[in-house]
N, C-alpha and C. Protein backbone atom coordinates (compact mmCIF):
# COMPACT_ATOMS: atom_id res chain seq x y z
N MET A 1 4.57 -25.38 0.93
CA MET A 1 5.72 -24.21 0.53
C MET A 1 6.35 -23.99 1.90
N ALA A 2 7.68 -24.22 1.67
CA ALA A 2 8.58 -24.04 2.81
C ALA A 2 8.69 -22.40 2.96
N SER A 3 8.86 -21.85 4.17
CA SER A 3 9.06 -20.60 4.55
C SER A 3 9.84 -20.34 5.60
N GLU A 4 10.37 -19.23 5.64
CA GLU A 4 11.32 -18.94 6.85
C GLU A 4 10.90 -17.31 7.40
N LYS A 5 10.64 -17.49 8.66
CA LYS A 5 10.22 -15.88 9.09
C LYS A 5 11.66 -14.92 9.22
N GLY A 6 11.79 -13.82 8.77
CA GLY A 6 12.91 -13.13 9.00
C GLY A 6 12.87 -11.96 9.84
N PRO A 7 13.54 -11.18 9.97
CA PRO A 7 13.37 -9.74 11.03
C PRO A 7 12.31 -9.07 10.59
N GLN A 8 11.99 -8.32 11.67
CA GLN A 8 10.96 -7.22 11.61
C GLN A 8 12.09 -5.87 11.13
N VAL A 9 11.52 -5.26 10.09
CA VAL A 9 12.30 -3.88 9.85
C VAL A 9 11.30 -3.08 9.50
N THR A 10 11.64 -1.53 9.13
CA THR A 10 10.71 -0.42 9.08
C THR A 10 11.37 0.21 7.78
N SER A 11 10.65 0.52 6.61
CA SER A 11 10.93 0.85 5.38
C SER A 11 11.27 2.33 5.57
N PRO A 12 12.03 2.93 4.46
CA PRO A 12 12.05 4.35 4.53
C PRO A 12 10.73 4.98 4.15
N LYS A 13 10.36 6.27 4.24
CA LYS A 13 9.10 6.91 3.97
C LYS A 13 8.81 6.63 2.35
N GLY A 14 7.89 6.42 1.98
CA GLY A 14 7.70 6.61 0.42
C GLY A 14 5.70 7.00 0.19
N ILE A 15 5.82 7.36 -1.11
CA ILE A 15 4.48 7.53 -1.44
C ILE A 15 3.54 6.32 -1.92
N ALA A 16 2.51 6.18 -1.20
CA ALA A 16 1.65 5.11 -1.42
C ALA A 16 0.81 5.04 -2.75
N ILE A 17 1.12 3.96 -3.27
CA ILE A 17 0.40 3.69 -4.36
C ILE A 17 -0.74 2.61 -4.31
N TYR A 18 -1.94 2.76 -4.74
CA TYR A 18 -2.92 1.77 -4.49
C TYR A 18 -3.04 1.16 -3.19
N PRO A 19 -3.01 1.93 -2.27
CA PRO A 19 -3.18 1.11 -0.64
C PRO A 19 -4.62 0.68 -0.60
N HIS A 20 -4.37 -0.64 0.22
CA HIS A 20 -5.41 -1.31 0.75
C HIS A 20 -5.13 -1.54 2.09
N LEU A 21 -5.42 -0.49 3.14
CA LEU A 21 -4.77 -0.48 4.41
C LEU A 21 -5.95 -0.41 5.40
N ASN A 22 -6.94 0.27 5.17
CA ASN A 22 -8.18 0.26 6.08
C ASN A 22 -8.93 -1.10 6.28
N LYS A 23 -9.01 -1.57 5.03
CA LYS A 23 -9.51 -2.95 4.81
C LYS A 23 -8.80 -3.87 3.93
N PRO A 24 -9.03 -5.20 3.84
CA PRO A 24 -8.10 -6.15 3.09
C PRO A 24 -8.83 -5.79 1.62
N ASN A 25 -7.96 -6.07 0.79
CA ASN A 25 -8.44 -5.98 -0.54
C ASN A 25 -8.88 -7.53 -0.93
N ASP A 26 -10.21 -7.69 -1.44
CA ASP A 26 -10.85 -8.94 -1.63
C ASP A 26 -11.04 -9.06 -2.96
N ARG A 27 -10.66 -8.43 -3.78
CA ARG A 27 -11.04 -8.52 -5.35
C ARG A 27 -10.61 -9.65 -6.11
N PHE A 28 -9.65 -10.25 -5.66
CA PHE A 28 -8.85 -11.56 -6.52
C PHE A 28 -8.79 -12.88 -5.77
N GLY A 29 -10.09 -13.34 -5.10
CA GLY A 29 -10.02 -14.67 -4.65
C GLY A 29 -10.28 -14.68 -3.28
N ASP A 30 -10.05 -15.78 -2.71
CA ASP A 30 -10.50 -15.95 -1.30
C ASP A 30 -9.37 -15.58 -0.07
N ASN A 31 -8.39 -14.92 -0.60
CA ASN A 31 -7.21 -14.43 0.43
C ASN A 31 -7.11 -13.09 0.56
N PRO A 32 -8.13 -12.45 1.08
CA PRO A 32 -7.99 -10.81 1.05
C PRO A 32 -6.86 -10.49 1.93
N SER A 33 -6.34 -9.44 1.36
CA SER A 33 -4.99 -8.94 2.21
C SER A 33 -4.91 -7.41 2.13
N TYR A 34 -4.18 -7.05 3.10
CA TYR A 34 -3.72 -5.57 3.07
C TYR A 34 -2.65 -5.35 2.46
N GLN A 35 -2.52 -4.26 1.55
CA GLN A 35 -1.23 -4.26 0.73
C GLN A 35 -1.10 -2.65 0.40
N VAL A 36 0.19 -2.54 -0.13
CA VAL A 36 0.37 -1.28 -0.40
C VAL A 36 1.71 -1.29 -1.25
N THR A 37 1.83 -0.49 -2.43
CA THR A 37 3.01 -0.35 -2.89
C THR A 37 3.57 1.18 -2.54
N LEU A 38 5.09 1.40 -2.25
CA LEU A 38 5.46 2.39 -1.92
C LEU A 38 6.69 2.85 -2.84
N GLN A 39 6.33 4.31 -3.47
CA GLN A 39 7.23 4.75 -4.24
C GLN A 39 8.36 5.33 -3.31
N ILE A 40 9.83 4.93 -3.51
CA ILE A 40 10.90 5.48 -2.57
C ILE A 40 11.93 5.81 -3.57
N PRO A 41 12.56 7.12 -3.27
CA PRO A 41 13.82 7.50 -3.83
C PRO A 41 15.02 6.15 -3.98
N LYS A 42 15.52 5.83 -4.92
CA LYS A 42 16.28 4.76 -5.36
C LYS A 42 17.39 4.90 -4.01
N SER A 43 17.93 6.02 -3.98
CA SER A 43 19.11 6.02 -3.16
C SER A 43 18.74 5.86 -1.62
N GLU A 44 17.41 6.03 -1.39
CA GLU A 44 16.99 5.61 0.29
C GLU A 44 16.38 4.18 0.27
N ALA A 45 15.80 3.73 -0.82
CA ALA A 45 15.40 2.42 -0.88
C ALA A 45 16.59 1.09 -1.09
N GLU A 46 17.60 1.69 -1.59
CA GLU A 46 18.67 0.50 -1.91
C GLU A 46 19.16 -0.13 -0.72
N PRO A 47 19.46 0.61 0.48
CA PRO A 47 19.89 -0.03 1.72
C PRO A 47 18.91 -1.07 2.27
N PHE A 48 17.68 -0.68 2.26
CA PHE A 48 16.69 -1.67 2.77
C PHE A 48 16.57 -3.00 1.67
N VAL A 49 16.52 -2.74 0.39
CA VAL A 49 16.72 -3.94 -0.59
C VAL A 49 17.66 -4.54 -0.48
N LYS A 50 19.03 -4.14 -0.35
CA LYS A 50 20.12 -5.10 -0.11
C LYS A 50 20.03 -5.72 1.19
N GLN A 51 19.44 -5.29 2.29
CA GLN A 51 19.34 -6.10 3.39
C GLN A 51 18.51 -7.36 3.24
N ALA A 52 17.42 -7.18 2.29
CA ALA A 52 16.41 -8.33 1.98
C ALA A 52 17.28 -9.27 1.06
N VAL A 53 18.07 -8.71 -0.04
CA VAL A 53 18.78 -9.28 -1.08
C VAL A 53 19.54 -10.37 -0.37
N LYS A 54 20.34 -9.99 0.76
CA LYS A 54 21.36 -10.54 1.49
C LYS A 54 20.77 -11.70 2.24
N LEU A 55 19.70 -11.41 2.98
CA LEU A 55 18.81 -12.54 3.67
C LEU A 55 18.49 -13.80 2.61
N PHE A 56 17.95 -13.11 1.64
CA PHE A 56 17.41 -14.25 0.51
C PHE A 56 18.64 -14.94 0.23
N ARG A 57 19.63 -14.54 -0.32
CA ARG A 57 20.81 -15.25 -0.66
C ARG A 57 21.30 -16.30 0.42
N ASP A 58 21.31 -15.69 1.50
CA ASP A 58 21.77 -16.60 2.54
C ASP A 58 20.72 -17.99 2.56
N TYR A 59 19.49 -17.59 2.49
CA TYR A 59 18.24 -18.63 2.66
C TYR A 59 18.68 -19.64 1.65
N CYS A 60 18.67 -19.25 0.28
CA CYS A 60 18.89 -19.91 -0.82
C CYS A 60 20.05 -20.76 -0.80
N LYS A 61 21.22 -20.23 -0.21
CA LYS A 61 22.26 -21.45 0.03
C LYS A 61 22.19 -22.03 1.17
N THR A 62 21.32 -22.04 2.16
CA THR A 62 21.25 -22.88 3.30
C THR A 62 20.35 -23.84 2.73
N ASN A 63 19.31 -23.44 1.81
CA ASN A 63 18.19 -24.60 1.55
C ASN A 63 18.35 -25.09 0.21
N SER A 64 19.77 -24.76 -0.33
CA SER A 64 19.79 -25.43 -1.80
C SER A 64 18.65 -25.00 -2.92
N VAL A 65 18.39 -23.86 -2.77
CA VAL A 65 17.11 -23.23 -3.97
C VAL A 65 17.73 -23.58 -5.13
N LYS A 66 16.95 -24.07 -6.04
CA LYS A 66 17.18 -24.27 -7.34
C LYS A 66 16.68 -23.48 -8.27
N LYS A 67 15.48 -22.98 -8.00
CA LYS A 67 14.77 -21.80 -8.81
C LYS A 67 14.26 -20.55 -8.16
N ILE A 68 14.29 -19.34 -8.68
CA ILE A 68 14.09 -18.16 -8.12
C ILE A 68 12.81 -17.49 -8.80
N PHE A 69 11.93 -17.02 -7.98
CA PHE A 69 10.56 -16.47 -8.52
C PHE A 69 10.91 -15.10 -9.37
N GLY A 70 10.70 -14.57 -10.18
CA GLY A 70 10.99 -13.39 -10.59
C GLY A 70 11.99 -13.29 -11.92
N SER A 71 11.98 -11.87 -12.20
CA SER A 71 13.00 -11.95 -13.44
C SER A 71 13.91 -10.89 -13.37
N ASP A 72 13.61 -9.80 -12.65
CA ASP A 72 14.81 -8.61 -12.56
C ASP A 72 15.99 -9.09 -11.96
N LYS A 73 17.11 -8.75 -12.88
CA LYS A 73 18.34 -9.15 -12.47
C LYS A 73 19.01 -8.74 -11.34
N HIS A 74 18.51 -7.67 -10.95
CA HIS A 74 18.95 -6.80 -9.76
C HIS A 74 18.31 -7.17 -8.51
N THR A 75 17.11 -7.37 -8.38
CA THR A 75 16.12 -7.86 -7.29
C THR A 75 15.48 -8.99 -7.51
N LYS A 76 15.81 -10.13 -8.20
CA LYS A 76 15.10 -11.18 -8.53
C LYS A 76 14.79 -11.76 -7.31
N GLY A 77 13.56 -12.37 -6.99
CA GLY A 77 13.04 -12.97 -5.78
C GLY A 77 12.45 -11.79 -4.96
N VAL A 78 12.71 -10.63 -4.87
CA VAL A 78 12.45 -9.57 -3.97
C VAL A 78 11.21 -8.76 -4.62
N PRO A 79 10.27 -8.42 -3.76
CA PRO A 79 9.24 -7.68 -4.48
C PRO A 79 9.40 -6.11 -4.65
N CYS A 80 10.30 -5.84 -5.37
CA CYS A 80 10.42 -4.50 -5.76
C CYS A 80 11.06 -4.24 -6.97
N CYS A 81 10.98 -3.09 -7.48
CA CYS A 81 11.51 -3.13 -8.97
C CYS A 81 11.95 -1.42 -9.27
N VAL A 82 12.74 -1.10 -10.23
CA VAL A 82 13.28 0.05 -10.57
C VAL A 82 11.90 0.56 -11.48
N GLU A 83 11.44 1.90 -10.93
CA GLU A 83 10.33 2.63 -11.52
C GLU A 83 10.74 3.12 -12.74
N LYS A 84 9.99 2.85 -13.94
CA LYS A 84 10.17 3.57 -15.13
C LYS A 84 8.79 4.37 -15.61
N ASP A 85 9.15 5.20 -16.58
CA ASP A 85 7.90 6.07 -16.94
C ASP A 85 7.76 5.31 -18.29
N ASP A 86 6.35 6.33 -18.76
CA ASP A 86 6.01 5.71 -19.98
C ASP A 86 7.20 5.46 -21.24
N ALA A 87 8.06 6.11 -21.10
CA ALA A 87 9.15 6.13 -22.41
C ALA A 87 10.18 5.08 -21.78
N GLY A 88 9.97 4.40 -20.64
CA GLY A 88 11.02 3.44 -20.31
C GLY A 88 12.26 3.79 -19.91
N GLU A 89 12.11 5.19 -19.52
CA GLU A 89 13.27 5.87 -18.50
C GLU A 89 13.16 5.63 -17.15
N GLU A 90 14.31 5.34 -16.60
CA GLU A 90 13.92 5.30 -15.17
C GLU A 90 13.77 6.62 -14.18
N THR A 91 12.97 6.72 -13.38
CA THR A 91 12.53 7.86 -12.65
C THR A 91 13.19 8.09 -11.58
N GLY A 92 14.17 7.46 -11.21
CA GLY A 92 15.13 7.57 -9.87
C GLY A 92 14.31 7.09 -8.70
N ASN A 93 13.26 6.37 -8.76
CA ASN A 93 12.62 5.99 -7.66
C ASN A 93 12.66 4.27 -7.81
N MET A 94 12.32 3.76 -6.83
CA MET A 94 11.95 2.07 -6.66
C MET A 94 10.77 1.99 -5.95
N LEU A 95 10.05 0.87 -6.51
CA LEU A 95 8.73 0.57 -5.97
C LEU A 95 8.70 -0.63 -5.31
N LEU A 96 8.44 -0.56 -3.98
CA LEU A 96 8.57 -1.84 -3.21
C LEU A 96 6.88 -2.14 -2.75
N SER A 97 6.87 -3.50 -2.81
CA SER A 97 5.28 -3.99 -2.49
C SER A 97 5.43 -4.81 -1.06
N PHE A 98 4.34 -4.25 -0.31
CA PHE A 98 4.05 -4.99 1.09
C PHE A 98 2.67 -5.42 1.09
N LYS A 99 2.70 -6.66 2.09
CA LYS A 99 1.24 -7.39 1.80
C LYS A 99 1.17 -8.15 2.98
N ALA A 100 -0.10 -8.20 3.63
CA ALA A 100 -0.43 -9.13 4.71
C ALA A 100 -1.85 -9.77 4.44
N THR A 101 -2.07 -11.03 4.91
CA THR A 101 -3.25 -11.70 4.85
C THR A 101 -4.20 -11.00 5.79
N GLY A 102 -5.44 -10.94 5.47
CA GLY A 102 -6.42 -10.30 6.51
C GLY A 102 -6.92 -11.42 7.07
N TRP A 103 -6.88 -11.29 8.47
CA TRP A 103 -7.24 -12.36 9.58
C TRP A 103 -8.48 -11.97 10.00
N PRO A 104 -9.57 -12.87 9.99
CA PRO A 104 -11.07 -12.48 10.43
C PRO A 104 -10.98 -12.48 11.80
N ASP A 105 -11.97 -11.31 12.44
CA ASP A 105 -12.04 -11.31 13.94
C ASP A 105 -13.51 -12.21 14.10
N GLU A 106 -13.19 -13.29 14.88
CA GLU A 106 -14.22 -14.30 14.91
C GLU A 106 -15.35 -13.79 15.93
N GLU A 107 -14.93 -12.80 16.83
CA GLU A 107 -15.99 -12.36 17.62
C GLU A 107 -16.77 -11.62 17.15
N LYS A 108 -16.47 -10.68 16.09
CA LYS A 108 -17.33 -9.59 15.28
C LYS A 108 -17.81 -10.09 13.99
N SER A 109 -17.24 -11.22 13.24
CA SER A 109 -17.90 -11.73 12.16
C SER A 109 -19.26 -12.47 12.26
N THR A 110 -19.85 -12.58 11.30
CA THR A 110 -21.10 -13.34 11.40
C THR A 110 -20.94 -14.30 10.14
N THR A 111 -22.29 -15.17 9.90
CA THR A 111 -22.25 -15.96 8.85
C THR A 111 -22.69 -14.83 7.48
N GLU A 112 -22.99 -13.88 7.87
CA GLU A 112 -23.43 -12.92 6.67
C GLU A 112 -22.20 -12.17 6.27
N LYS A 113 -21.37 -11.84 7.29
CA LYS A 113 -20.49 -10.63 6.94
C LYS A 113 -19.18 -11.20 7.76
N VAL A 114 -18.04 -11.09 7.06
CA VAL A 114 -16.65 -11.27 7.57
C VAL A 114 -15.98 -9.93 8.02
N VAL A 115 -15.78 -9.90 9.40
CA VAL A 115 -15.03 -8.57 9.91
C VAL A 115 -13.44 -8.93 10.11
N TYR A 116 -12.55 -8.20 9.41
CA TYR A 116 -11.32 -8.58 9.65
C TYR A 116 -10.51 -7.73 10.71
N ARG A 117 -9.88 -8.19 11.52
CA ARG A 117 -8.73 -7.56 12.15
C ARG A 117 -8.05 -6.16 11.35
N PRO A 118 -8.13 -5.19 12.15
CA PRO A 118 -7.57 -3.98 11.80
C PRO A 118 -5.96 -4.18 11.54
N LEU A 119 -5.59 -3.55 10.33
CA LEU A 119 -3.85 -3.39 10.40
C LEU A 119 -3.65 -2.03 11.14
N PRO A 120 -2.48 -2.09 12.25
CA PRO A 120 -2.21 -1.14 12.86
C PRO A 120 -1.72 0.15 12.03
N ILE A 121 -2.37 1.23 12.15
CA ILE A 121 -1.88 2.46 11.71
C ILE A 121 -1.71 3.44 12.79
N PHE A 122 -0.42 4.07 12.63
CA PHE A 122 0.04 5.00 13.63
C PHE A 122 0.17 6.61 12.95
N ASP A 123 0.17 7.49 14.15
CA ASP A 123 0.31 8.72 13.31
C ASP A 123 1.70 9.20 13.64
N THR A 124 2.14 10.49 13.34
CA THR A 124 3.57 10.94 13.48
C THR A 124 3.96 10.96 14.66
N LYS A 125 2.94 10.97 15.93
CA LYS A 125 3.36 10.90 17.09
C LYS A 125 3.22 9.40 18.05
N GLY A 126 3.05 8.60 16.95
CA GLY A 126 2.97 7.14 17.46
C GLY A 126 1.61 6.79 18.24
N GLN A 127 0.69 7.35 17.79
CA GLN A 127 -0.51 7.13 18.43
C GLN A 127 -1.57 6.30 17.50
N LEU A 128 -2.08 5.22 17.96
CA LEU A 128 -2.61 4.34 17.30
C LEU A 128 -4.01 4.71 16.67
N LEU A 129 -4.21 4.53 15.47
CA LEU A 129 -5.51 5.21 15.02
C LEU A 129 -6.17 3.88 14.66
N SER A 130 -7.48 3.89 15.17
CA SER A 130 -8.33 2.52 14.86
C SER A 130 -9.79 3.19 15.01
N GLY A 131 -10.74 2.57 14.40
CA GLY A 131 -12.27 2.85 14.13
C GLY A 131 -12.45 4.09 13.69
N SER A 132 -13.30 5.05 14.14
CA SER A 132 -13.66 6.25 13.56
C SER A 132 -12.04 7.29 13.45
N ASN A 133 -11.20 6.89 14.16
CA ASN A 133 -9.79 7.78 14.30
C ASN A 133 -9.11 7.45 13.03
N ALA A 134 -9.32 6.31 12.53
CA ALA A 134 -8.29 5.89 11.20
C ALA A 134 -8.90 6.40 9.65
N PRO A 135 -8.21 7.54 9.39
CA PRO A 135 -8.75 8.01 8.12
C PRO A 135 -8.73 7.17 6.85
N LEU A 136 -9.23 7.29 5.72
CA LEU A 136 -9.18 6.42 4.59
C LEU A 136 -7.99 6.74 4.01
N ILE A 137 -6.77 5.98 3.94
CA ILE A 137 -5.72 6.35 3.44
C ILE A 137 -5.80 6.21 1.66
N GLY A 138 -5.41 7.15 1.06
CA GLY A 138 -5.45 6.87 -0.40
C GLY A 138 -4.19 7.23 -1.02
N SER A 139 -4.24 6.93 -2.52
CA SER A 139 -2.68 7.03 -3.24
C SER A 139 -2.16 8.38 -3.14
N GLY A 140 -0.98 8.66 -2.88
CA GLY A 140 -0.32 9.88 -2.60
C GLY A 140 -0.03 10.04 -1.31
N SER A 141 -0.41 9.34 -0.31
CA SER A 141 -0.19 9.52 1.15
C SER A 141 1.26 9.23 1.31
N THR A 142 1.96 9.85 2.33
CA THR A 142 3.26 9.45 2.58
C THR A 142 3.23 8.49 3.84
N LEU A 143 3.95 7.35 3.82
CA LEU A 143 3.83 6.23 4.86
C LEU A 143 5.34 5.74 5.32
N LYS A 144 5.25 4.94 5.92
CA LYS A 144 6.45 4.10 6.38
C LYS A 144 5.68 2.92 6.75
N ALA A 145 6.57 1.72 6.30
CA ALA A 145 5.77 0.37 6.68
C ALA A 145 6.64 -0.52 7.78
N ALA A 146 6.19 -1.25 8.55
CA ALA A 146 6.81 -1.88 9.19
C ALA A 146 6.59 -3.43 8.84
N CYS A 147 7.37 -4.22 8.40
CA CYS A 147 7.04 -5.35 7.97
C CYS A 147 8.18 -6.73 8.37
N ARG A 148 8.02 -7.66 8.11
CA ARG A 148 8.88 -8.96 8.44
C ARG A 148 9.57 -9.12 7.11
N ILE A 149 10.68 -9.46 6.73
CA ILE A 149 11.23 -10.03 5.67
C ILE A 149 11.35 -11.44 5.62
N ASP A 150 10.40 -12.18 4.95
CA ASP A 150 10.15 -13.76 4.86
C ASP A 150 10.53 -14.24 3.61
N CYS A 151 11.54 -15.29 3.55
CA CYS A 151 11.94 -15.92 2.61
C CYS A 151 11.01 -17.42 2.45
N TRP A 152 10.84 -17.61 1.15
CA TRP A 152 9.73 -18.99 0.87
C TRP A 152 10.63 -19.51 -0.31
N ASP A 153 10.02 -20.81 -0.57
CA ASP A 153 10.32 -21.75 -1.61
C ASP A 153 9.16 -22.49 -2.08
N GLY A 154 8.39 -22.33 -3.24
CA GLY A 154 7.41 -22.82 -3.54
C GLY A 154 7.46 -23.50 -5.09
N GLY A 155 6.18 -23.82 -5.76
CA GLY A 155 6.47 -24.50 -6.89
C GLY A 155 6.66 -23.52 -7.82
N LEU A 156 6.66 -22.11 -7.85
CA LEU A 156 6.85 -21.35 -8.91
C LEU A 156 8.33 -20.74 -8.64
N GLY A 157 9.14 -21.25 -7.58
CA GLY A 157 10.29 -20.97 -7.36
C GLY A 157 10.42 -20.01 -5.90
N ALA A 158 11.59 -19.84 -5.38
CA ALA A 158 11.81 -19.00 -4.19
C ALA A 158 11.78 -17.77 -4.31
N GLY A 159 11.38 -16.88 -3.16
CA GLY A 159 11.24 -15.60 -3.20
C GLY A 159 11.19 -14.79 -1.99
N VAL A 160 11.00 -13.69 -1.71
CA VAL A 160 10.93 -12.87 -0.62
C VAL A 160 9.54 -12.35 -0.54
N SER A 161 8.89 -11.92 0.70
CA SER A 161 7.82 -11.40 0.81
C SER A 161 8.03 -10.41 2.04
N PHE A 162 7.66 -9.12 1.72
CA PHE A 162 7.57 -8.00 2.63
C PHE A 162 6.54 -7.97 3.38
N ARG A 163 6.12 -8.91 4.60
CA ARG A 163 4.73 -9.03 5.34
C ARG A 163 4.60 -7.80 6.17
N LEU A 164 3.58 -7.21 5.93
CA LEU A 164 3.17 -6.06 6.31
C LEU A 164 2.61 -6.17 7.79
N ARG A 165 3.16 -5.49 8.75
CA ARG A 165 2.79 -5.54 10.07
C ARG A 165 2.00 -4.29 10.47
N ALA A 166 2.30 -3.11 9.86
CA ALA A 166 1.74 -2.15 10.65
C ALA A 166 2.21 -0.80 9.63
N VAL A 167 1.76 0.48 9.61
CA VAL A 167 2.17 1.38 8.82
C VAL A 167 2.12 2.67 9.82
N GLN A 168 3.04 3.66 9.50
CA GLN A 168 2.87 4.85 10.18
C GLN A 168 2.57 5.90 9.05
N LEU A 169 1.49 6.74 9.22
CA LEU A 169 1.01 7.51 8.26
C LEU A 169 1.54 9.09 8.64
N LEU A 170 2.46 9.43 7.64
CA LEU A 170 3.10 10.74 7.94
C LEU A 170 2.39 11.85 6.98
N GLU A 171 2.02 11.54 6.03
CA GLU A 171 1.07 12.72 5.48
C GLU A 171 -0.01 12.13 4.64
N LEU A 172 -1.23 12.57 4.87
CA LEU A 172 -2.54 11.78 4.37
C LEU A 172 -2.98 12.44 2.73
N VAL A 173 -3.39 11.71 2.08
CA VAL A 173 -4.36 12.09 1.05
C VAL A 173 -5.46 11.12 1.16
N GLU A 174 -6.47 11.74 1.63
CA GLU A 174 -7.56 10.99 1.93
C GLU A 174 -8.28 10.17 0.48
N TRP A 175 -8.74 8.92 0.82
CA TRP A 175 -9.45 8.37 -0.39
C TRP A 175 -10.96 8.94 -0.50
N SER A 176 -11.29 9.20 -1.74
CA SER A 176 -12.46 10.00 -2.02
C SER A 176 -13.45 9.07 -2.70
N GLY A 177 -12.88 7.75 -2.96
CA GLY A 177 -13.67 7.10 -3.97
C GLY A 177 -13.69 7.08 -5.14
N GLY A 178 -13.23 8.13 -5.61
CA GLY A 178 -12.92 8.53 -6.99
C GLY A 178 -14.30 9.31 -7.63
N THR A 179 -14.94 9.91 -6.72
CA THR A 179 -16.29 10.74 -7.09
C THR A 179 -15.94 12.26 -7.39
N SER A 180 -14.87 12.84 -7.08
CA SER A 180 -14.60 14.15 -7.58
C SER A 180 -13.81 14.28 -8.85
N SER A 181 -14.27 15.44 -9.55
CA SER A 181 -13.54 15.54 -10.90
C SER A 181 -12.07 15.47 -10.95
N SER A 182 -11.38 15.84 -9.82
CA SER A 182 -10.15 15.91 -9.84
C SER A 182 -9.45 14.62 -9.69
N ASP A 183 -10.37 13.57 -9.24
CA ASP A 183 -9.79 12.10 -9.30
C ASP A 183 -9.67 11.72 -10.61
N PHE A 184 -10.22 12.17 -11.63
CA PHE A 184 -10.16 11.82 -12.88
C PHE A 184 -9.29 12.79 -13.92
N GLY A 185 -8.71 13.68 -13.36
CA GLY A 185 -7.82 14.76 -14.01
C GLY A 185 -8.63 15.81 -14.60
N PHE A 186 -9.89 16.09 -14.15
CA PHE A 186 -10.61 17.20 -14.63
C PHE A 186 -10.33 18.50 -13.90
N GLY A 187 -10.22 19.55 -14.46
CA GLY A 187 -10.13 20.97 -13.75
C GLY A 187 -11.50 21.69 -14.08
N GLU A 188 -11.46 22.88 -13.28
CA GLU A 188 -12.50 23.69 -13.93
C GLU A 188 -12.18 24.54 -15.14
N GLU A 189 -13.46 24.41 -16.29
CA GLU A 189 -13.07 25.16 -17.34
C GLU A 189 -14.40 25.98 -17.55
N LYS A 190 -14.35 26.72 -18.69
CA LYS A 190 -15.52 27.69 -18.93
C LYS A 190 -16.41 26.77 -20.10
N GLY A 191 -17.70 27.16 -19.67
CA GLY A 191 -18.72 26.44 -20.48
C GLY A 191 -19.94 26.02 -19.78
N TYR A 192 -20.51 24.82 -20.13
CA TYR A 192 -21.65 24.30 -19.54
C TYR A 192 -21.67 24.05 -17.95
N VAL A 193 -22.49 24.61 -17.35
CA VAL A 193 -22.72 24.45 -15.75
C VAL A 193 -24.18 23.81 -15.30
N SER A 194 -24.24 22.71 -14.70
CA SER A 194 -25.48 22.00 -14.46
C SER A 194 -26.52 23.12 -13.49
N LYS A 195 -27.45 22.96 -14.24
CA LYS A 195 -28.78 23.84 -13.64
C LYS A 195 -28.86 23.70 -11.96
N GLY A 196 -28.75 22.37 -11.69
CA GLY A 196 -28.68 21.84 -10.20
C GLY A 196 -27.72 22.74 -9.42
N VAL A 197 -26.59 22.59 -10.07
CA VAL A 197 -25.37 23.16 -9.32
C VAL A 197 -25.43 24.64 -9.14
N GLU A 198 -26.12 25.37 -10.23
CA GLU A 198 -26.37 26.83 -10.18
C GLU A 198 -27.17 27.30 -9.03
N GLU A 199 -28.46 26.42 -8.85
CA GLU A 199 -29.45 26.60 -7.87
C GLU A 199 -28.87 26.46 -6.54
N ALA A 200 -28.25 25.36 -6.37
CA ALA A 200 -27.51 24.99 -5.13
C ALA A 200 -26.53 25.86 -4.43
N THR A 201 -25.89 26.59 -5.69
CA THR A 201 -24.97 27.74 -5.32
C THR A 201 -25.59 28.73 -4.92
N SER A 202 -26.88 29.29 -5.57
CA SER A 202 -27.53 30.56 -5.08
C SER A 202 -28.27 30.35 -3.79
N GLU A 203 -28.46 29.00 -3.55
CA GLU A 203 -29.32 29.02 -2.22
C GLU A 203 -28.31 28.83 -0.87
N SER A 204 -27.25 28.41 -1.40
CA SER A 204 -26.10 28.48 -0.35
C SER A 204 -25.79 29.90 -0.10
N ALA A 205 -25.81 30.69 -1.19
CA ALA A 205 -25.18 31.97 -0.84
C ALA A 205 -26.38 32.92 -0.01
N ALA A 206 -27.57 32.65 -0.32
CA ALA A 206 -28.82 33.17 0.30
C ALA A 206 -28.56 32.90 1.96
N ASP A 207 -28.51 31.44 2.10
CA ASP A 207 -28.46 31.19 3.41
C ASP A 207 -27.25 31.69 4.18
N ALA A 208 -26.16 32.30 3.49
CA ALA A 208 -25.08 32.83 4.21
C ALA A 208 -25.60 34.38 4.72
N PHE A 209 -26.39 35.03 3.85
CA PHE A 209 -26.70 36.25 4.31
C PHE A 209 -28.30 36.16 5.10
N ASP A 210 -28.63 35.21 5.45
CA ASP A 210 -30.05 35.07 5.91
C ASP A 210 -31.10 35.63 5.33
N PHE A 211 -31.23 35.20 4.14
CA PHE A 211 -32.35 35.95 3.23
C PHE A 211 -33.56 35.14 3.61
């Protein structure tokens, strides 16, 4: 597949959807990747998308591209789309997808376990978060993404990739693993309460008063 590396740019801030930033997503084959989709207001996303579209058009013209990957008539070939709700109405946002291949750290990897080089994550002060200092970034977090706009031409046609280089964490919604009731949309209701929960609550109250 022919490809061309483009400029590094920084996205507008957006809300993270299904981020895999602390470790690569390895659920779909042999190419684990860091990835995130950002939900960005359309008015803020459009200048960023237009830059990518222009680069891609120039690439297609220079390389005599015959087929373009994707189907959206406005962003064809570019990894973004206009967000729509369940009724098919536009929400006023765009969804931009960023992705980077996870590279094994040869010094830390073993034959039993592959350890990947971490994706650089920075806080609002520009400090690099790594190891135990890097929180588990979950959906709903507010981020900016630094990426390279790469153009390519392969068997399915030509397109653009937003090659993720780093992220800046602006607001954190920490990933909890889907183990709390709120993760499934449940709130507190009147009715059955587990006996174990009642006993644990009583013990905690007693401890607070040193009984």
